[in-house]
Every structure is written in C-alpha cells, then in structure tokens.
Amino acid sequence: MTTPNDKRGLPFGGSFAITDQIFPDSTDDFCRVYLEWIKSTHENVIRGLDNFPVLAYCNGTTEAFDKFYMKNSTRRFRCYKGEYMYHQATWRNCWPDWKFIEDAPLDPNDAVVISLPFSNTGNEHPATQRLLQFCSDLGIPVLVDCAYFGVCSQIVFDFTYGCITDITFSMSKAFPAAYHRIGLRLTRTDDDDPLLVSNKIGYTNRHSAEVGKQLLATQTPDTMVELYRDKQQAFCKHLGIQPSKTVLFGLDTENKYPEYNRGGIINRLSLHKYLNQDDNIFYNENSPR
C-alpha cells in the first residue's frame, strides 16, 4: 500500500530538520538481526515464528499493545489475572467492558493478550495452550507478549496457533535498556497499520535501534540466564521461595509475602536488585528475607 499524501519524493516535499542524517536509518537491519538473535536461543524452544514474516520496530512492547488495541477496538479485551498492568490501565479508561479471562467465558468478539513467559510468574501460564487452541477455534485474535525473552529458560514459544496475529519482543527486561524503548513486532501480513507506516517512512527511533544492535552483538539470548541462574536459585533458597523460569523472579506459593501479590494465586518477588551483588548479600542479616 502507498502512504497517504506522501510527498517526500518531490523536490519540496516532506518536513524534516535541516540536517536529519545524524543517525542513519538502520531499523530494518536491526529487526532482521533481532529476529535471528531470538531464533538462536538454546535455553528455550521456538516454533512457528517463520509464520510471521512482517517485522516492525516498536518502542518496547508497549507500542505494539497500543496498535493491537486500535485494530481490535470494537472487541472486548481479555487477559488473565496477574497480567502486565498496562493493559488494565489502558482498558479501564478506553474499553471499560474488558474482563479477566477467569471471570467470564470467552466470546468470538473478544481479543486476548497473554504474556509468554507469563508476567505474574515468569513461567508459562498453565492454561496457555488450552487458551490458544480455544481462541483458534473461535477466531479470537491474540497478541503474545514475549517481553521476558532473554531472561528465561525452558519455555516453549509455540506460535503455530492460528489465532495469534501479533507477537512482540522487547529488550527492556533482558538488558538495562528500558528507557531506550527497543522492541520488535511480528505479524502475519502487511496490513499497513500505523506502526508499519511509521516503519516504512523511517519514522523510528534510530538511536535506540543502534543501541539494540550493539547489545545483540555482545550478548546471546541465553547470556543473562547463564550468568545469574545460580544466584537466582541461591537467593530463592535464602528467601524460602521457588525459582521462576525467568531468572529475575522468585515465586512465593505459600503466601509468605502477600505484599507482592499482583492479582494471581502466586506472589512474584523480583530479584533484579540483588542478583548482580556479592554473594554475601544472601547471608547479610540486613538483606531481604
């Protein structure tokens, strides 16, 4: 599709700063490199990602969420309890008829968001496969949020279900790059939605794409897990909780730490402040316990 009212090809078309080539447009290259990086994991299993050939740079996963909402604005939005809070924060103002999946049967006019690994645990949500099959049977569009890819292991990313329309990844959890807003969205077809339009005209965050490429060149998808898994397990033992498949988290299944409840049946403790500290933090009388 052509971009509406695009005059950039004319001598006096477009509107840009006088010198706009400080950062060359490498976002297409970044997207391709990021995709290959994702596929190179040895700690996880990835299936069906080649069914989503349309790549777009996005500002973290958040921008991909917004575009999914726009495309499905006439539907009722659904997610599980404990899901990333951004969805609830958006839906309560703009789509107040949204519901948790646990609170009402799924309907063909719904649209679903689910994180993998699941935001509340860093593991797969136990109903993930059943949900995706049910949504495929009913024709319910699903966005799969893979924001924790890069800090997880033993996760099966199965994208072969027909209901999945959007997949999104981000570097905000794998690396201390959250404020650079580095993300990738994958879709099955080019529907010329606003995110693809902005990518096609190069209206993307070129500086952050370059930062992303540097990170991809120096780390693997499994680096953070391999570096910090032992410390995660030691700290979880110290706290009396269970290690998550996402190295950032420990899981309280006995309600020892109810202040960390996010709406699900498991309390999620984030260990990110402590995993890069000296091992003595586990045994210091002033350390969290």
C-alpha atoms as a PDB file:
ATOM      1  CA  MET A   1       0.000   0.000   0.000  1.00  0.00           C
ATOM      2  CA  THR A   2       1.092   3.578  -0.586  1.00  0.00           C
ATOM      3  CA  THR A   3       1.497   6.040   2.241  1.00  0.00           C
ATOM      4  CA  PRO A   4      -1.318   8.648   2.150  1.00  0.00           C
ATOM      5  CA  ASN A   5      -0.294  12.125   0.968  1.00  0.00           C
ATOM      6  CA  ASP A   6       3.389  11.177   0.797  1.00  0.00           C
ATOM      7  CA  LYS A   7       5.283  13.985  -0.959  1.00  0.00           C
ATOM      8  CA  ARG A   8       8.801  13.074   0.183  1.00  0.00           C
ATOM      9  CA  GLY A   9       9.828  12.121  -3.338  1.00  0.00           C
ATOM     10  CA  LEU A  10       9.213  15.655  -4.631  1.00  0.00           C
ATOM     11  CA  PRO A  11      11.866  18.392  -4.509  1.00  0.00           C
ATOM     12  CA  PHE A  12       9.871  20.374  -1.933  1.00  0.00           C
ATOM     13  CA  GLY A  13       8.050  17.512  -0.258  1.00  0.00           C
ATOM     14  CA  GLY A  14       8.133  16.276   3.319  1.00  0.00           C
ATOM     15  CA  SER A  15       9.008  18.087   6.521  1.00  0.00           C
ATOM     16  CA  PHE A  16      12.254  17.364   8.363  1.00  0.00           C
ATOM     17  CA  ALA A  17      15.019  19.103  10.278  1.00  0.00           C
ATOM     18  CA  ILE A  18      17.630  20.791   8.103  1.00  0.00           C
ATOM     19  CA  THR A  19      20.178  18.053   8.845  1.00  0.00           C
ATOM     20  CA  ASP A  20      18.409  14.770   9.561  1.00  0.00           C
ATOM     21  CA  GLN A  21      21.106  12.178   8.846  1.00  0.00           C
ATOM     22  CA  ILE A  22      22.853  12.204  12.229  1.00  0.00           C
ATOM     23  CA  PHE A  23      21.601   8.665  12.775  1.00  0.00           C
ATOM     24  CA  PRO A  24      21.283   6.583   9.600  1.00  0.00           C
ATOM     25  CA  ASP A  25      18.113   4.524   9.327  1.00  0.00           C
ATOM     26  CA  SER A  26      19.159   1.026  10.371  1.00  0.00           C
ATOM     27  CA  THR A  27      15.910  -0.105  11.949  1.00  0.00           C
ATOM     28  CA  ASP A  28      15.189  -2.635   9.181  1.00  0.00           C
ATOM     29  CA  ASP A  29      18.605  -4.165   9.742  1.00  0.00           C
ATOM     30  CA  PHE A  30      18.032  -4.156  13.500  1.00  0.00           C
ATOM     31  CA  CYS A  31      14.743  -6.044  13.092  1.00  0.00           C
ATOM     32  CA  ARG A  32      16.381  -8.743  10.984  1.00  0.00           C
ATOM     33  CA  VAL A  33      19.314  -9.108  13.390  1.00  0.00           C
ATOM     34  CA  TYR A  34      16.992  -9.212  16.402  1.00  0.00           C
ATOM     35  CA  LEU A  35      14.892 -11.948  14.808  1.00  0.00           C
ATOM     36  CA  GLU A  36      17.931 -14.131  14.142  1.00  0.00           C
ATOM     37  CA  TRP A  37      19.142 -13.465  17.684  1.00  0.00           C
ATOM     38  CA  ILE A  38      15.819 -14.668  19.080  1.00  0.00           C
ATOM     39  CA  LYS A  39      15.970 -17.835  16.996  1.00  0.00           C
ATOM     40  CA  SER A  40      19.471 -18.621  18.260  1.00  0.00           C
ATOM     41  CA  THR A  41      18.388 -19.478  21.830  1.00  0.00           C
ATOM     42  CA  HIS A  42      19.452 -22.829  23.225  1.00  0.00           C
ATOM     43  CA  GLU A  43      17.680 -22.417  26.567  1.00  0.00           C
ATOM     44  CA  ASN A  44      14.180 -22.250  25.017  1.00  0.00           C
ATOM     45  CA  VAL A  45      12.205 -23.834  22.174  1.00  0.00           C
ATOM     46  CA  ILE A  46      10.695 -21.661  19.433  1.00  0.00           C
ATOM     47  CA  ARG A  47       8.121 -22.942  16.958  1.00  0.00           C
ATOM     48  CA  GLY A  48       6.265 -21.221  14.149  1.00  0.00           C
ATOM     49  CA  LEU A  49       7.985 -17.838  14.197  1.00  0.00           C
ATOM     50  CA  ASP A  50       8.548 -18.026  10.433  1.00  0.00           C
ATOM     51  CA  ASN A  51       4.775 -17.711  10.004  1.00  0.00           C
ATOM     52  CA  PHE A  52       5.161 -14.032  10.961  1.00  0.00           C
ATOM     53  CA  PRO A  53       7.381 -12.518   8.243  1.00  0.00           C
ATOM     54  CA  VAL A  54       6.341  -8.874   8.664  1.00  0.00           C
ATOM     55  CA  LEU A  55       8.735  -7.136  11.058  1.00  0.00           C
ATOM     56  CA  ALA A  56       8.371  -3.696  12.602  1.00  0.00           C
ATOM     57  CA  TYR A  57      10.494  -1.753  15.047  1.00  0.00           C
ATOM     58  CA  CYS A  58       8.419  -0.649  18.037  1.00  0.00           C
ATOM     59  CA  ASN A  59       9.044   1.346  21.190  1.00  0.00           C
ATOM     60  CA  GLY A  60       9.226  -1.605  23.542  1.00  0.00           C
ATOM     61  CA  THR A  61       6.291  -3.976  23.626  1.00  0.00           C
ATOM     62  CA  THR A  62       4.034  -1.112  24.713  1.00  0.00           C
ATOM     63  CA  GLU A  63       3.670   0.428  21.260  1.00  0.00           C
ATOM     64  CA  ALA A  64       2.696  -2.971  19.848  1.00  0.00           C
ATOM     65  CA  PHE A  65      -0.019  -3.241  22.510  1.00  0.00           C
ATOM     66  CA  ASP A  66      -1.485   0.107  21.506  1.00  0.00           C
ATOM     67  CA  LYS A  67      -1.643  -0.891  17.851  1.00  0.00           C
ATOM     68  CA  PHE A  68      -3.316  -4.200  18.762  1.00  0.00           C
ATOM     69  CA  TYR A  69      -5.925  -2.278  20.746  1.00  0.00           C
ATOM     70  CA  MET A  70      -6.567   0.013  17.788  1.00  0.00           C
ATOM     71  CA  LYS A  71      -7.001  -2.853  15.336  1.00  0.00           C
ATOM     72  CA  ASN A  72      -9.422  -4.618  17.664  1.00  0.00           C
ATOM     73  CA  SER A  73     -11.168  -1.584  19.112  1.00  0.00           C
ATOM     74  CA  THR A  74     -14.666  -2.990  18.544  1.00  0.00           C
ATOM     75  CA  ARG A  75     -13.890  -6.156  20.512  1.00  0.00           C
ATOM     76  CA  ARG A  76     -13.912  -6.856  24.251  1.00  0.00           C
ATOM     77  CA  PHE A  77     -10.374  -7.167  25.622  1.00  0.00           C
ATOM     78  CA  ARG A  78      -9.363 -10.086  27.843  1.00  0.00           C
ATOM     79  CA  CYS A  79      -6.346 -11.155  29.878  1.00  0.00           C
ATOM     80  CA  TYR A  80      -5.562 -13.358  32.860  1.00  0.00           C
ATOM     81  CA  LYS A  81      -5.300 -12.056  36.402  1.00  0.00           C
ATOM     82  CA  GLY A  82      -1.734 -11.047  37.187  1.00  0.00           C
ATOM     83  CA  GLU A  83      -1.051  -9.911  33.608  1.00  0.00           C
ATOM     84  CA  TYR A  84       1.056  -6.806  32.912  1.00  0.00           C
ATOM     85  CA  MET A  85      -0.716  -3.824  34.473  1.00  0.00           C
ATOM     86  CA  TYR A  86      -0.527  -1.649  31.327  1.00  0.00           C
ATOM     87  CA  HIS A  87      -3.447  -3.480  29.763  1.00  0.00           C
ATOM     88  CA  GLN A  88      -5.761  -2.855  32.691  1.00  0.00           C
ATOM     89  CA  ALA A  89      -4.610   0.752  32.970  1.00  0.00           C
ATOM     90  CA  THR A  90      -5.485   1.350  29.311  1.00  0.00           C
ATOM     91  CA  TRP A  91      -8.660  -0.676  29.091  1.00  0.00           C
ATOM     92  CA  ARG A  92     -10.274   0.806  32.207  1.00  0.00           C
ATOM     93  CA  ASN A  93     -10.349   4.219  30.504  1.00  0.00           C
ATOM     94  CA  CYS A  94     -10.915   3.329  26.857  1.00  0.00           C
ATOM     95  CA  TRP A  95     -12.586  -0.124  26.838  1.00  0.00           C
ATOM     96  CA  PRO A  96     -14.324  -0.424  30.215  1.00  0.00           C
ATOM     97  CA  ASP A  97     -16.155  -3.615  29.246  1.00  0.00           C
ATOM     98  CA  TRP A  98     -12.890  -5.617  29.377  1.00  0.00           C
ATOM     99  CA  LYS A  99     -12.817  -8.667  31.640  1.00  0.00           C
ATOM    100  CA  PHE A 100     -10.338 -11.108  33.125  1.00  0.00           C
ATOM    101  CA  ILE A 101     -10.493 -14.458  31.377  1.00  0.00           C
ATOM    102  CA  GLU A 102     -11.216 -16.116  34.715  1.00  0.00           C
ATOM    103  CA  ASP A 103     -14.379 -14.012  35.195  1.00  0.00           C
ATOM    104  CA  ALA A 104     -16.384 -14.715  32.026  1.00  0.00           C
ATOM    105  CA  PRO A 105     -16.456 -17.218  29.134  1.00  0.00           C
ATOM    106  CA  LEU A 106     -14.529 -16.263  26.025  1.00  0.00           C
ATOM    107  CA  ASP A 107     -16.630 -14.927  23.166  1.00  0.00           C
ATOM    108  CA  PRO A 108     -15.893 -14.728  19.408  1.00  0.00           C
ATOM    109  CA  ASN A 109     -15.960 -10.924  19.701  1.00  0.00           C
ATOM    110  CA  ASP A 110     -13.146 -10.891  22.274  1.00  0.00           C
ATOM    111  CA  ALA A 111      -9.462 -10.027  21.746  1.00  0.00           C
ATOM    112  CA  VAL A 112      -6.850 -11.569  24.029  1.00  0.00           C
ATOM    113  CA  VAL A 113      -3.422 -10.546  25.286  1.00  0.00           C
ATOM    114  CA  ILE A 114      -1.187 -13.100  27.004  1.00  0.00           C
ATOM    115  CA  SER A 115       2.446 -12.858  28.028  1.00  0.00           C
ATOM    116  CA  LEU A 116       4.882 -15.718  27.466  1.00  0.00           C
ATOM    117  CA  PRO A 117       6.547 -16.162  29.889  1.00  0.00           C
ATOM    118  CA  PHE A 118       3.550 -15.038  31.908  1.00  0.00           C
ATOM    119  CA  SER A 119       4.086 -11.696  33.619  1.00  0.00           C
ATOM    120  CA  ASN A 120       2.928 -12.862  37.040  1.00  0.00           C
ATOM    121  CA  THR A 121       5.251 -15.874  37.312  1.00  0.00           C
ATOM    122  CA  GLY A 122       7.927 -15.863  34.611  1.00  0.00           C
ATOM    123  CA  ASN A 123       6.718 -19.386  33.726  1.00  0.00           C
ATOM    124  CA  GLU A 124       4.135 -20.378  31.144  1.00  0.00           C
ATOM    125  CA  HIS A 125       0.607 -19.666  32.309  1.00  0.00           C
ATOM    126  CA  PRO A 126      -0.764 -23.201  32.883  1.00  0.00           C
ATOM    127  CA  ALA A 127      -3.696 -22.556  30.540  1.00  0.00           C
ATOM    128  CA  THR A 128      -1.659 -21.084  27.665  1.00  0.00           C
ATOM    129  CA  GLN A 129      -2.004 -23.947  25.191  1.00  0.00           C
ATOM    130  CA  ARG A 130      -5.666 -24.535  26.014  1.00  0.00           C
ATOM    131  CA  LEU A 131      -6.379 -20.827  25.607  1.00  0.00           C
ATOM    132  CA  LEU A 132      -4.619 -20.591  22.250  1.00  0.00           C
ATOM    133  CA  GLN A 133      -6.432 -23.619  20.891  1.00  0.00           C
ATOM    134  CA  PHE A 134      -9.791 -22.296  22.081  1.00  0.00           C
ATOM    135  CA  CYS A 135      -9.118 -18.869  20.548  1.00  0.00           C
ATOM    136  CA  SER A 136      -8.087 -20.547  17.294  1.00  0.00           C
ATOM    137  CA  ASP A 137     -11.350 -22.470  17.226  1.00  0.00           C
ATOM    138  CA  LEU A 138     -13.412 -19.316  17.850  1.00  0.00           C
ATOM    139  CA  GLY A 139     -11.405 -16.963  15.631  1.00  0.00           C
ATOM    140  CA  ILE A 140     -10.359 -14.725  18.552  1.00  0.00           C
ATOM    141  CA  PRO A 141      -7.260 -12.610  17.765  1.00  0.00           C
ATOM    142  CA  VAL A 142      -4.394 -12.968  20.240  1.00  0.00           C
ATOM    143  CA  LEU A 143      -1.290 -10.906  20.898  1.00  0.00           C
ATOM    144  CA  VAL A 144       1.578 -12.812  22.526  1.00  0.00           C
ATOM    145  CA  ASP A 145       3.841 -10.607  24.640  1.00  0.00           C
ATOM    146  CA  CYS A 146       7.379 -12.021  24.884  1.00  0.00           C
ATOM    147  CA  ALA A 147       8.894  -9.181  26.914  1.00  0.00           C
ATOM    148  CA  TYR A 148      10.780 -11.607  29.180  1.00  0.00           C
ATOM    149  CA  PHE A 149      12.554 -13.365  26.339  1.00  0.00           C
ATOM    150  CA  GLY A 150      16.270 -13.038  27.044  1.00  0.00           C
ATOM    151  CA  VAL A 151      15.972 -13.738  30.776  1.00  0.00           C
ATOM    152  CA  CYS A 152      14.056 -17.021  30.612  1.00  0.00           C
ATOM    153  CA  SER A 153      14.786 -20.710  30.041  1.00  0.00           C
ATOM    154  CA  GLN A 154      12.811 -23.934  29.469  1.00  0.00           C
ATOM    155  CA  ILE A 155       9.973 -22.008  27.814  1.00  0.00           C
ATOM    156  CA  VAL A 156       8.256 -23.391  24.705  1.00  0.00           C
ATOM    157  CA  PHE A 157       7.324 -20.469  22.457  1.00  0.00           C
ATOM    158  CA  ASP A 158       4.743 -22.160  20.251  1.00  0.00           C
ATOM    159  CA  PHE A 159       3.472 -19.683  17.667  1.00  0.00           C
ATOM    160  CA  THR A 160       1.794 -22.277  15.445  1.00  0.00           C
ATOM    161  CA  TYR A 161      -1.734 -21.464  16.662  1.00  0.00           C
ATOM    162  CA  GLY A 162      -3.886 -19.759  14.029  1.00  0.00           C
ATOM    163  CA  CYS A 163      -5.372 -17.255  16.481  1.00  0.00           C
ATOM    164  CA  ILE A 164      -2.063 -15.450  17.016  1.00  0.00           C
ATOM    165  CA  THR A 165      -1.996 -12.241  14.994  1.00  0.00           C
ATOM    166  CA  ASP A 166       0.745 -10.275  16.762  1.00  0.00           C
ATOM    167  CA  ILE A 167       3.957 -11.236  18.572  1.00  0.00           C
ATOM    168  CA  THR A 168       6.132  -8.691  20.319  1.00  0.00           C
ATOM    169  CA  PHE A 169       9.571  -8.745  21.932  1.00  0.00           C
ATOM    170  CA  SER A 170      11.456  -6.136  23.928  1.00  0.00           C
ATOM    171  CA  MET A 171      14.959  -5.591  25.307  1.00  0.00           C
ATOM    172  CA  SER A 172      13.679  -3.813  28.422  1.00  0.00           C
ATOM    173  CA  LYS A 173      13.870  -6.861  30.692  1.00  0.00           C
ATOM    174  CA  ALA A 174      16.890  -8.642  29.234  1.00  0.00           C
ATOM    175  CA  PHE A 175      19.140  -5.575  29.453  1.00  0.00           C
ATOM    176  CA  PRO A 176      19.130  -2.283  31.410  1.00  0.00           C
ATOM    177  CA  ALA A 177      17.798  -0.532  28.316  1.00  0.00           C
ATOM    178  CA  ALA A 178      14.167   0.066  29.247  1.00  0.00           C
ATOM    179  CA  TYR A 179      14.355   3.811  28.620  1.00  0.00           C
ATOM    180  CA  HIS A 180      15.713   3.284  25.122  1.00  0.00           C
ATOM    181  CA  ARG A 181      12.388   1.673  24.120  1.00  0.00           C
ATOM    182  CA  ILE A 182      13.789  -1.109  21.913  1.00  0.00           C
ATOM    183  CA  GLY A 183      11.263  -3.612  20.615  1.00  0.00           C
ATOM    184  CA  LEU A 184      10.110  -5.761  17.718  1.00  0.00           C
ATOM    185  CA  ARG A 185       6.643  -6.679  16.489  1.00  0.00           C
ATOM    186  CA  LEU A 186       5.928  -9.584  14.140  1.00  0.00           C
ATOM    187  CA  THR A 187       2.692 -10.068  12.187  1.00  0.00           C
ATOM    188  CA  ARG A 188       1.487 -12.487   9.528  1.00  0.00           C
ATOM    189  CA  THR A 189       0.559  -9.904   6.897  1.00  0.00           C
ATOM    190  CA  ASP A 190       1.290  -6.319   5.930  1.00  0.00           C
ATOM    191  CA  ASP A 191      -1.986  -4.586   6.747  1.00  0.00           C
ATOM    192  CA  ASP A 192      -0.401  -1.124   6.523  1.00  0.00           C
ATOM    193  CA  ASP A 193      -1.338  -0.259  10.098  1.00  0.00           C
ATOM    194  CA  PRO A 194       0.169   2.873  11.716  1.00  0.00           C
ATOM    195  CA  LEU A 195       3.209   1.008  13.084  1.00  0.00           C
ATOM    196  CA  LEU A 196       4.082  -0.350   9.649  1.00  0.00           C
ATOM    197  CA  VAL A 197       3.506   3.056   8.082  1.00  0.00           C
ATOM    198  CA  SER A 198       5.923   4.685  10.517  1.00  0.00           C
ATOM    199  CA  ASN A 199       8.483   1.950   9.794  1.00  0.00           C
ATOM    200  CA  LYS A 200       8.074   2.315   6.038  1.00  0.00           C
ATOM    201  CA  ILE A 201       8.782   6.048   6.117  1.00  0.00           C
ATOM    202  CA  GLY A 202      11.675   5.626   8.569  1.00  0.00           C
ATOM    203  CA  TYR A 203       9.908   7.457  11.391  1.00  0.00           C
ATOM    204  CA  THR A 204      11.511   5.224  14.013  1.00  0.00           C
ATOM    205  CA  ASN A 205      13.946   5.519  16.896  1.00  0.00           C
ATOM    206  CA  ARG A 206      17.227   5.154  15.015  1.00  0.00           C
ATOM    207  CA  HIS A 207      19.426   5.896  18.012  1.00  0.00           C
ATOM    208  CA  SER A 208      17.825   3.118  20.066  1.00  0.00           C
ATOM    209  CA  ALA A 209      18.000   0.709  17.132  1.00  0.00           C
ATOM    210  CA  GLU A 210      21.773   1.255  17.071  1.00  0.00           C
ATOM    211  CA  VAL A 211      21.956   0.649  20.824  1.00  0.00           C
ATOM    212  CA  GLY A 212      19.987  -2.544  20.295  1.00  0.00           C
ATOM    213  CA  LYS A 213      22.338  -3.764  17.588  1.00  0.00           C
ATOM    214  CA  GLN A 214      25.318  -3.254  19.895  1.00  0.00           C
ATOM    215  CA  LEU A 215      23.645  -5.276  22.643  1.00  0.00           C
ATOM    216  CA  LEU A 216      22.754  -8.074  20.233  1.00  0.00           C
ATOM    217  CA  ALA A 217      26.356  -8.216  19.030  1.00  0.00           C
ATOM    218  CA  THR A 218      27.758  -8.729  22.530  1.00  0.00           C
ATOM    219  CA  GLN A 219      25.157 -10.966  24.227  1.00  0.00           C
ATOM    220  CA  THR A 220      23.206 -14.110  23.373  1.00  0.00           C
ATOM    221  CA  PRO A 221      19.548 -14.755  24.251  1.00  0.00           C
ATOM    222  CA  ASP A 222      20.815 -17.063  26.989  1.00  0.00           C
ATOM    223  CA  THR A 223      23.583 -14.905  28.495  1.00  0.00           C
ATOM    224  CA  MET A 224      21.587 -13.468  31.394  1.00  0.00           C
ATOM    225  CA  VAL A 225      20.198 -16.865  32.389  1.00  0.00           C
ATOM    226  CA  GLU A 226      23.638 -18.456  32.294  1.00  0.00           C
ATOM    227  CA  LEU A 227      25.167 -15.620  34.322  1.00  0.00           C
ATOM    228  CA  TYR A 228      22.552 -15.357  37.044  1.00  0.00           C
ATOM    229  CA  ARG A 229      20.667 -18.665  37.328  1.00  0.00           C
ATOM    230  CA  ASP A 230      22.854 -19.948  40.191  1.00  0.00           C
ATOM    231  CA  LYS A 231      22.441 -16.712  42.134  1.00  0.00           C
ATOM    232  CA  GLN A 232      18.701 -16.739  41.497  1.00  0.00           C
ATOM    233  CA  GLN A 233      18.453 -20.240  42.932  1.00  0.00           C
ATOM    234  CA  ALA A 234      20.626 -19.348  45.955  1.00  0.00           C
ATOM    235  CA  PHE A 235      18.585 -16.252  46.743  1.00  0.00           C
ATOM    236  CA  CYS A 236      15.311 -18.146  46.345  1.00  0.00           C
ATOM    237  CA  LYS A 237      16.582 -20.762  48.794  1.00  0.00           C
ATOM    238  CA  HIS A 238      17.524 -17.968  51.197  1.00  0.00           C
ATOM    239  CA  LEU A 239      14.009 -16.499  50.954  1.00  0.00           C
ATOM    240  CA  GLY A 240      12.230 -19.854  51.044  1.00  0.00           C
ATOM    241  CA  ILE A 241      10.596 -19.431  47.642  1.00  0.00           C
ATOM    242  CA  GLN A 242      10.676 -21.214  44.276  1.00  0.00           C
ATOM    243  CA  PRO A 243      12.874 -20.143  41.333  1.00  0.00           C
ATOM    244  CA  SER A 244      10.966 -18.998  38.259  1.00  0.00           C
ATOM    245  CA  LYS A 245      11.930 -19.988  34.734  1.00  0.00           C
ATOM    246  CA  THR A 246      12.583 -16.264  34.328  1.00  0.00           C
ATOM    247  CA  VAL A 247      15.814 -15.554  36.167  1.00  0.00           C
ATOM    248  CA  LEU A 248      14.567 -12.218  37.517  1.00  0.00           C
ATOM    249  CA  PHE A 249      11.924 -13.794  39.744  1.00  0.00           C
ATOM    250  CA  GLY A 250      11.274 -15.970  42.745  1.00  0.00           C
ATOM    251  CA  LEU A 251       7.784 -17.341  43.361  1.00  0.00           C
ATOM    252  CA  ASP A 252       6.014 -17.490  46.705  1.00  0.00           C
ATOM    253  CA  THR A 253       3.474 -20.313  46.518  1.00  0.00           C
ATOM    254  CA  GLU A 254       2.796 -20.381  50.277  1.00  0.00           C
ATOM    255  CA  ASN A 255       1.724 -16.736  50.708  1.00  0.00           C
ATOM    256  CA  LYS A 256       4.721 -15.830  52.867  1.00  0.00           C
ATOM    257  CA  TYR A 257       4.970 -12.482  51.081  1.00  0.00           C
ATOM    258  CA  PRO A 258       1.388 -11.353  50.395  1.00  0.00           C
ATOM    259  CA  GLU A 259       2.537  -7.775  49.821  1.00  0.00           C
ATOM    260  CA  TYR A 260       3.907  -8.931  46.441  1.00  0.00           C
ATOM    261  CA  ASN A 261       0.605 -10.276  45.155  1.00  0.00           C
ATOM    262  CA  ARG A 262      -0.326  -8.894  41.725  1.00  0.00           C
ATOM    263  CA  GLY A 263      -3.760 -10.431  41.400  1.00  0.00           C
ATOM    264  CA  GLY A 264      -2.945 -14.093  40.820  1.00  0.00           C
ATOM    265  CA  ILE A 265      -2.584 -17.005  43.215  1.00  0.00           C
ATOM    266  CA  ILE A 266       1.228 -16.756  43.329  1.00  0.00           C
ATOM    267  CA  ASN A 267       3.232 -13.859  44.762  1.00  0.00           C
ATOM    268  CA  ARG A 268       6.022 -12.704  42.460  1.00  0.00           C
ATOM    269  CA  LEU A 269       9.233 -11.394  44.013  1.00  0.00           C
ATOM    270  CA  SER A 270      11.636  -9.585  41.690  1.00  0.00           C
ATOM    271  CA  LEU A 271      15.293 -10.251  42.500  1.00  0.00           C
ATOM    272  CA  HIS A 272      16.806  -7.892  39.945  1.00  0.00           C
ATOM    273  CA  LYS A 273      18.233  -5.508  42.555  1.00  0.00           C
ATOM    274  CA  TYR A 274      20.312  -8.228  44.163  1.00  0.00           C
ATOM    275  CA  LEU A 275      21.460 -10.707  41.517  1.00  0.00           C
ATOM    276  CA  ASN A 276      24.468  -8.634  40.447  1.00  0.00           C
ATOM    277  CA  GLN A 277      25.661  -8.084  44.022  1.00  0.00           C
ATOM    278  CA  ASP A 278      28.208 -10.044  46.005  1.00  0.00           C
ATOM    279  CA  ASP A 279      27.070 -13.457  47.223  1.00  0.00           C
ATOM    280  CA  ASN A 280      27.282 -12.216  50.820  1.00  0.00           C
ATOM    281  CA  ILE A 281      24.023 -10.343  50.246  1.00  0.00           C
ATOM    282  CA  PHE A 282      22.271 -13.688  50.719  1.00  0.00           C
ATOM    283  CA  TYR A 283      23.595 -14.087  54.221  1.00  0.00           C
ATOM    284  CA  ASN A 284      23.768 -10.500  55.492  1.00  0.00           C
ATOM    285  CA  GLU A 285      21.406 -10.009  58.412  1.00  0.00           C
ATOM    286  CA  ASN A 286      20.111  -6.846  56.741  1.00  0.00           C
ATOM    287  CA  SER A 287      19.349  -8.492  53.410  1.00  0.00           C
ATOM    288  CA  PRO A 288      15.702  -9.053  52.412  1.00  0.00           C
ATOM    289  CA  ARG A 289      14.229 -12.232  53.822  1.00  0.00           C
END
